[in-house]
N, C-alpha and C. Protein backbone atom coordinates (compact mmCIF):
# COMPACT_ATOMS: atom_id res chain seq x y z
N MET A 1 -10.07 13.07 11.27
CA MET A 1 -10.01 13.98 10.12
C MET A 1 -9.68 13.31 8.94
N ALA A 2 -10.02 13.84 8.00
CA ALA A 2 -9.84 12.91 6.62
C ALA A 2 -8.65 13.36 6.35
N LEU A 3 -7.99 12.64 5.43
CA LEU A 3 -6.32 12.92 5.30
C LEU A 3 -6.71 13.88 3.62
N GLU A 4 -5.50 14.41 3.62
CA GLU A 4 -5.52 15.03 2.20
C GLU A 4 -4.70 14.45 1.03
N PHE A 5 -5.60 13.90 -0.02
CA PHE A 5 -4.83 13.20 -1.14
C PHE A 5 -4.36 14.54 -1.93
N THR A 6 -2.99 14.26 -2.58
CA THR A 6 -3.01 14.92 -3.85
C THR A 6 -1.96 14.30 -5.06
N ASP A 7 -1.84 15.15 -5.85
CA ASP A 7 -1.72 14.18 -7.28
C ASP A 7 -0.39 13.35 -6.71
N ALA A 8 0.77 14.17 -6.00
CA ALA A 8 1.67 13.82 -5.47
C ALA A 8 1.78 12.58 -4.83
N ASN A 9 0.94 12.53 -3.81
CA ASN A 9 0.84 11.29 -2.58
C ASN A 9 -0.20 10.21 -3.04
N PHE A 10 -1.23 10.40 -3.96
CA PHE A 10 -2.69 9.60 -4.27
C PHE A 10 -1.89 8.10 -4.52
N GLN A 11 -0.82 7.82 -5.26
CA GLN A 11 -0.49 6.56 -5.43
C GLN A 11 0.00 5.82 -4.25
N GLU A 12 1.08 6.39 -3.69
CA GLU A 12 1.05 5.83 -2.40
C GLU A 12 0.08 5.66 -1.23
N THR A 13 -0.84 6.59 -0.75
CA THR A 13 -1.60 6.43 0.48
C THR A 13 -2.87 5.87 -0.07
N VAL A 14 -2.89 5.94 -1.63
CA VAL A 14 -4.59 5.52 -1.97
C VAL A 14 -4.14 3.82 -2.43
N LEU A 15 -3.59 4.12 -3.83
CA LEU A 15 -3.74 2.84 -4.78
C LEU A 15 -2.91 1.98 -4.32
N ASP A 16 -1.57 2.21 -3.27
CA ASP A 16 -0.67 1.18 -3.04
C ASP A 16 -1.05 0.68 -1.40
N SER A 17 -2.36 1.25 -0.99
CA SER A 17 -2.74 0.73 0.24
C SER A 17 -3.30 -0.39 0.24
N ASP A 18 -3.02 -1.17 1.31
CA ASP A 18 -3.88 -2.36 1.46
C ASP A 18 -5.36 -2.41 2.24
N LYS A 19 -5.68 -1.15 2.50
CA LYS A 19 -6.86 -0.83 3.04
C LYS A 19 -8.21 -0.29 1.90
N VAL A 20 -9.17 -0.27 1.64
CA VAL A 20 -10.21 0.13 1.24
C VAL A 20 -10.23 1.85 1.42
N ALA A 21 -9.90 2.24 0.35
CA ALA A 21 -10.02 3.86 0.18
C ALA A 21 -11.16 4.51 -0.01
N ILE A 22 -11.47 5.62 0.75
CA ILE A 22 -12.51 6.84 0.14
C ILE A 22 -11.99 7.81 -0.38
N VAL A 23 -12.17 8.36 -1.41
CA VAL A 23 -11.21 9.61 -1.93
C VAL A 23 -12.61 10.76 -2.31
N ASP A 24 -13.22 11.76 -1.61
CA ASP A 24 -13.97 12.79 -1.60
C ASP A 24 -13.33 13.72 -2.82
N PHE A 25 -13.56 14.02 -4.11
CA PHE A 25 -13.35 15.01 -4.84
C PHE A 25 -14.08 16.11 -4.67
N TRP A 26 -13.78 17.34 -4.38
CA TRP A 26 -14.33 18.63 -3.80
C TRP A 26 -13.57 19.94 -4.05
N ALA A 27 -14.45 20.85 -4.04
CA ALA A 27 -13.56 22.31 -4.19
C ALA A 27 -14.38 23.16 -3.28
N PRO A 28 -13.11 23.99 -2.18
CA PRO A 28 -13.69 25.10 -1.47
C PRO A 28 -15.26 25.96 -2.16
N TRP A 29 -15.28 26.47 -3.04
CA TRP A 29 -16.49 26.76 -3.52
C TRP A 29 -17.95 26.16 -4.24
N CYS A 30 -17.49 24.82 -3.89
CA CYS A 30 -18.64 23.99 -4.12
C CYS A 30 -19.58 23.66 -2.83
N GLY A 31 -20.79 24.33 -3.14
CA GLY A 31 -21.81 24.14 -1.83
C GLY A 31 -22.24 22.74 -1.58
N PRO A 32 -22.26 21.70 -2.33
CA PRO A 32 -22.62 20.54 -1.99
C PRO A 32 -21.66 19.62 -1.33
N CYS A 33 -20.32 19.93 -1.87
CA CYS A 33 -19.35 19.63 -1.23
C CYS A 33 -19.30 19.84 0.44
N ARG A 34 -19.46 21.35 0.53
CA ARG A 34 -19.64 21.77 1.87
C ARG A 34 -20.30 20.55 3.03
N MET A 35 -21.52 20.11 2.31
CA MET A 35 -22.28 19.12 3.15
C MET A 35 -22.03 17.81 3.37
N VAL A 36 -20.88 17.42 2.42
CA VAL A 36 -20.36 16.33 2.35
C VAL A 36 -19.01 16.11 3.12
N GLY A 37 -18.25 17.17 3.20
CA GLY A 37 -17.19 17.31 3.81
C GLY A 37 -17.16 16.82 5.17
N PRO A 38 -18.08 17.07 6.25
CA PRO A 38 -18.04 16.68 7.34
C PRO A 38 -18.40 15.38 7.39
N ILE A 39 -19.39 14.67 6.65
CA ILE A 39 -19.49 13.31 6.76
C ILE A 39 -18.42 12.57 6.37
N ILE A 40 -17.74 13.04 5.49
CA ILE A 40 -16.34 12.42 5.49
C ILE A 40 -15.51 12.40 6.32
N ASP A 41 -15.39 13.49 7.04
CA ASP A 41 -14.35 13.69 8.27
C ASP A 41 -14.77 12.58 9.14
N GLN A 42 -15.95 12.46 9.65
CA GLN A 42 -16.91 11.29 10.51
C GLN A 42 -16.35 10.02 10.24
N LEU A 43 -16.56 9.54 8.97
CA LEU A 43 -16.13 8.23 8.27
C LEU A 43 -14.70 8.00 8.60
N ALA A 44 -13.95 9.05 8.40
CA ALA A 44 -12.37 8.88 8.35
C ALA A 44 -12.18 8.74 9.79
N GLU A 45 -12.62 9.43 10.92
CA GLU A 45 -12.33 8.83 12.42
C GLU A 45 -13.09 7.78 12.57
N GLU A 46 -13.89 7.32 12.23
CA GLU A 46 -14.75 5.83 12.60
C GLU A 46 -14.28 4.78 12.08
N TYR A 47 -13.50 4.90 10.78
CA TYR A 47 -13.38 3.62 10.42
C TYR A 47 -11.54 3.71 10.00
N LYS A 48 -11.00 4.81 10.68
CA LYS A 48 -9.55 4.93 10.49
C LYS A 48 -8.67 3.71 10.88
N ASP A 49 -9.14 2.64 11.59
CA ASP A 49 -8.57 1.35 11.50
C ASP A 49 -8.29 0.23 10.49
N ASN A 50 -9.59 0.90 9.46
CA ASN A 50 -9.79 -0.16 8.50
C ASN A 50 -9.94 0.45 7.02
N ALA A 51 -9.74 1.81 6.92
CA ALA A 51 -10.12 2.21 5.95
C ALA A 51 -9.02 3.51 5.46
N VAL A 52 -8.86 4.06 4.24
CA VAL A 52 -7.92 5.05 4.03
C VAL A 52 -8.90 5.89 3.90
N ILE A 53 -9.04 7.42 4.46
CA ILE A 53 -10.41 7.83 3.81
C ILE A 53 -9.92 9.48 3.69
N GLY A 54 -10.13 10.13 2.26
CA GLY A 54 -9.44 11.40 2.45
C GLY A 54 -10.07 12.39 1.62
N LYS A 55 -9.58 13.80 1.12
CA LYS A 55 -10.56 14.33 0.03
C LYS A 55 -9.24 14.87 -0.78
N VAL A 56 -9.57 15.21 -2.36
CA VAL A 56 -8.89 15.75 -3.37
C VAL A 56 -9.37 16.95 -3.71
N ASN A 57 -8.50 18.18 -3.46
CA ASN A 57 -9.16 19.23 -4.07
C ASN A 57 -9.15 19.77 -5.36
N VAL A 58 -9.92 19.43 -5.93
CA VAL A 58 -10.13 19.19 -7.61
C VAL A 58 -9.42 20.64 -8.24
N ASP A 59 -9.11 21.57 -7.81
CA ASP A 59 -8.83 22.96 -8.18
C ASP A 59 -7.22 22.63 -7.94
N ASP A 60 -6.65 22.30 -7.11
CA ASP A 60 -4.92 21.93 -7.01
C ASP A 60 -4.46 20.42 -7.21
N ASN A 61 -5.47 19.75 -7.68
CA ASN A 61 -4.99 18.08 -8.32
C ASN A 61 -5.58 18.11 -9.35
N ALA A 62 -5.16 18.70 -10.53
CA ALA A 62 -6.17 18.48 -11.67
C ALA A 62 -5.34 16.82 -12.16
N GLY A 63 -4.43 16.40 -11.98
CA GLY A 63 -3.59 15.02 -12.09
C GLY A 63 -4.79 13.98 -12.33
N VAL A 64 -4.92 13.82 -10.55
CA VAL A 64 -5.63 12.60 -10.21
C VAL A 64 -7.17 12.80 -10.80
N SER A 65 -7.34 14.15 -10.65
CA SER A 65 -8.94 14.22 -10.88
C SER A 65 -9.52 13.96 -12.41
N SER A 66 -8.84 14.27 -13.47
CA SER A 66 -8.67 14.07 -14.74
C SER A 66 -8.85 12.28 -14.81
N LYS A 67 -7.81 11.85 -14.38
CA LYS A 67 -7.07 10.13 -14.45
C LYS A 67 -8.68 9.66 -14.10
N TYR A 68 -9.06 9.91 -13.25
CA TYR A 68 -10.31 9.37 -12.64
C TYR A 68 -11.71 9.70 -13.55
N GLY A 69 -11.58 10.79 -14.24
CA GLY A 69 -12.66 11.62 -14.92
C GLY A 69 -13.84 12.16 -13.90
N VAL A 70 -13.25 12.88 -13.16
CA VAL A 70 -14.07 13.72 -12.25
C VAL A 70 -14.58 15.07 -12.90
N ARG A 71 -15.74 14.73 -13.40
CA ARG A 71 -16.48 16.16 -14.06
C ARG A 71 -17.58 16.96 -13.00
N ASN A 72 -18.03 16.09 -12.26
CA ASN A 72 -19.14 16.92 -11.44
C ASN A 72 -18.49 16.45 -9.96
N ILE A 73 -18.57 17.59 -8.80
CA ILE A 73 -18.29 17.41 -7.58
C ILE A 73 -19.62 17.72 -6.92
N PRO A 74 -19.52 17.12 -5.56
CA PRO A 74 -18.78 16.20 -5.28
C PRO A 74 -18.84 14.79 -5.96
N THR A 75 -17.84 13.81 -5.91
CA THR A 75 -17.51 12.59 -6.42
C THR A 75 -16.83 12.28 -4.98
N VAL A 76 -17.38 10.89 -4.84
CA VAL A 76 -16.63 10.15 -3.94
C VAL A 76 -16.27 8.49 -4.42
N LEU A 77 -15.14 8.21 -4.57
CA LEU A 77 -14.77 7.12 -5.11
C LEU A 77 -14.59 6.06 -4.05
N PHE A 78 -14.45 4.66 -4.44
CA PHE A 78 -14.39 3.83 -3.56
C PHE A 78 -13.19 2.74 -4.27
N ILE A 79 -12.16 2.76 -3.48
CA ILE A 79 -11.07 2.12 -4.41
C ILE A 79 -10.71 1.12 -3.34
N LYS A 80 -10.53 -0.09 -3.90
CA LYS A 80 -10.14 -1.55 -3.30
C LYS A 80 -8.97 -2.07 -4.30
N ASN A 81 -7.78 -2.46 -3.75
CA ASN A 81 -6.68 -2.95 -4.24
C ASN A 81 -6.62 -2.14 -5.87
N GLY A 82 -6.19 -0.99 -5.51
CA GLY A 82 -5.69 0.21 -6.71
C GLY A 82 -7.08 0.34 -7.66
N GLU A 83 -8.30 -0.35 -7.44
CA GLU A 83 -9.09 -0.17 -8.43
C GLU A 83 -10.30 0.29 -8.06
N VAL A 84 -11.13 1.32 -8.88
CA VAL A 84 -12.09 2.38 -8.65
C VAL A 84 -13.41 0.95 -8.54
N VAL A 85 -14.08 0.41 -7.33
CA VAL A 85 -15.35 -0.52 -7.15
C VAL A 85 -16.42 0.18 -7.00
N ASP A 86 -16.50 1.51 -6.83
CA ASP A 86 -17.98 1.95 -6.44
C ASP A 86 -17.92 3.48 -6.66
N LYS A 87 -18.63 4.21 -6.60
CA LYS A 87 -18.70 5.80 -6.45
C LYS A 87 -19.89 6.23 -6.50
N GLN A 88 -20.00 7.30 -5.88
CA GLN A 88 -21.36 8.30 -5.59
C GLN A 88 -20.71 9.90 -6.17
N VAL A 89 -21.75 9.77 -6.92
CA VAL A 89 -21.58 11.29 -7.61
C VAL A 89 -22.57 12.28 -7.12
N GLY A 90 -22.56 13.33 -6.61
CA GLY A 90 -23.41 14.43 -6.20
C GLY A 90 -23.22 13.86 -4.49
N ALA A 91 -23.94 14.83 -3.61
CA ALA A 91 -24.04 14.84 -2.24
C ALA A 91 -24.93 13.44 -1.70
N ALA A 92 -24.97 13.02 -0.83
CA ALA A 92 -25.32 11.62 -0.30
C ALA A 92 -25.32 11.75 1.12
N THR A 93 -26.01 11.09 1.76
CA THR A 93 -26.22 10.85 3.35
C THR A 93 -25.05 9.98 3.78
N LYS A 94 -24.56 10.39 4.84
CA LYS A 94 -23.92 9.41 5.50
C LYS A 94 -24.25 7.78 5.75
N SER A 95 -25.34 7.72 5.79
CA SER A 95 -25.78 6.01 5.90
C SER A 95 -25.20 5.42 4.22
N THR A 96 -25.46 6.45 3.13
CA THR A 96 -25.12 5.94 1.83
C THR A 96 -23.83 5.45 1.94
N TYR A 97 -22.92 6.26 2.29
CA TYR A 97 -21.20 6.01 2.28
C TYR A 97 -21.03 4.95 3.07
N GLU A 98 -21.72 5.16 4.39
CA GLU A 98 -21.29 4.19 5.07
C GLU A 98 -21.57 2.27 4.61
N GLN A 99 -22.84 2.42 4.14
CA GLN A 99 -23.43 1.09 3.31
C GLN A 99 -22.30 0.83 2.15
N LYS A 100 -22.05 1.53 1.60
CA LYS A 100 -21.00 1.47 0.52
C LYS A 100 -19.74 0.64 1.05
N LEU A 101 -18.97 1.41 2.02
CA LEU A 101 -17.75 1.29 2.83
C LEU A 101 -17.94 -0.39 3.13
N GLN A 102 -19.12 -0.61 4.22
CA GLN A 102 -19.23 -1.57 4.89
C GLN A 102 -19.26 -2.81 3.78
N ALA A 103 -20.26 -2.88 2.91
CA ALA A 103 -20.07 -3.43 1.68
C ALA A 103 -18.76 -4.01 1.34
N LEU A 104 -17.59 -3.21 1.18
CA LEU A 104 -16.47 -3.70 0.78
C LEU A 104 -15.46 -3.96 1.80
N LEU A 105 -15.72 -3.63 3.06
CA LEU A 105 -15.01 -4.02 4.14
C LEU A 105 -15.32 -5.74 4.53
N GLY A 106 -16.62 -5.72 4.37
CA GLY A 106 -17.22 -6.88 4.60
C GLY A 106 -16.36 -8.20 5.02
């Protein structure tokens, strides 16, 4: 199961992590987000030893959402060493997210 990232824990759990992070920006009312959510949950389970993977509800966490300029959801950010190194805007397949993650884990 994916972690829940918030304005309060984002610095500690994502930016300060020594692992690659995948952050899914979503909202409960967003149809495409509901398609991406289960994929993020699967990746969180499969890569739990190598990456920090979770979700940010944009309705509840405007601070981190605006900091990263998230205007469209779903938006998935790939963060390494506290910096955004890749992103995917809009729904994509599991293999798309997995390829981006594996490139960073390399």
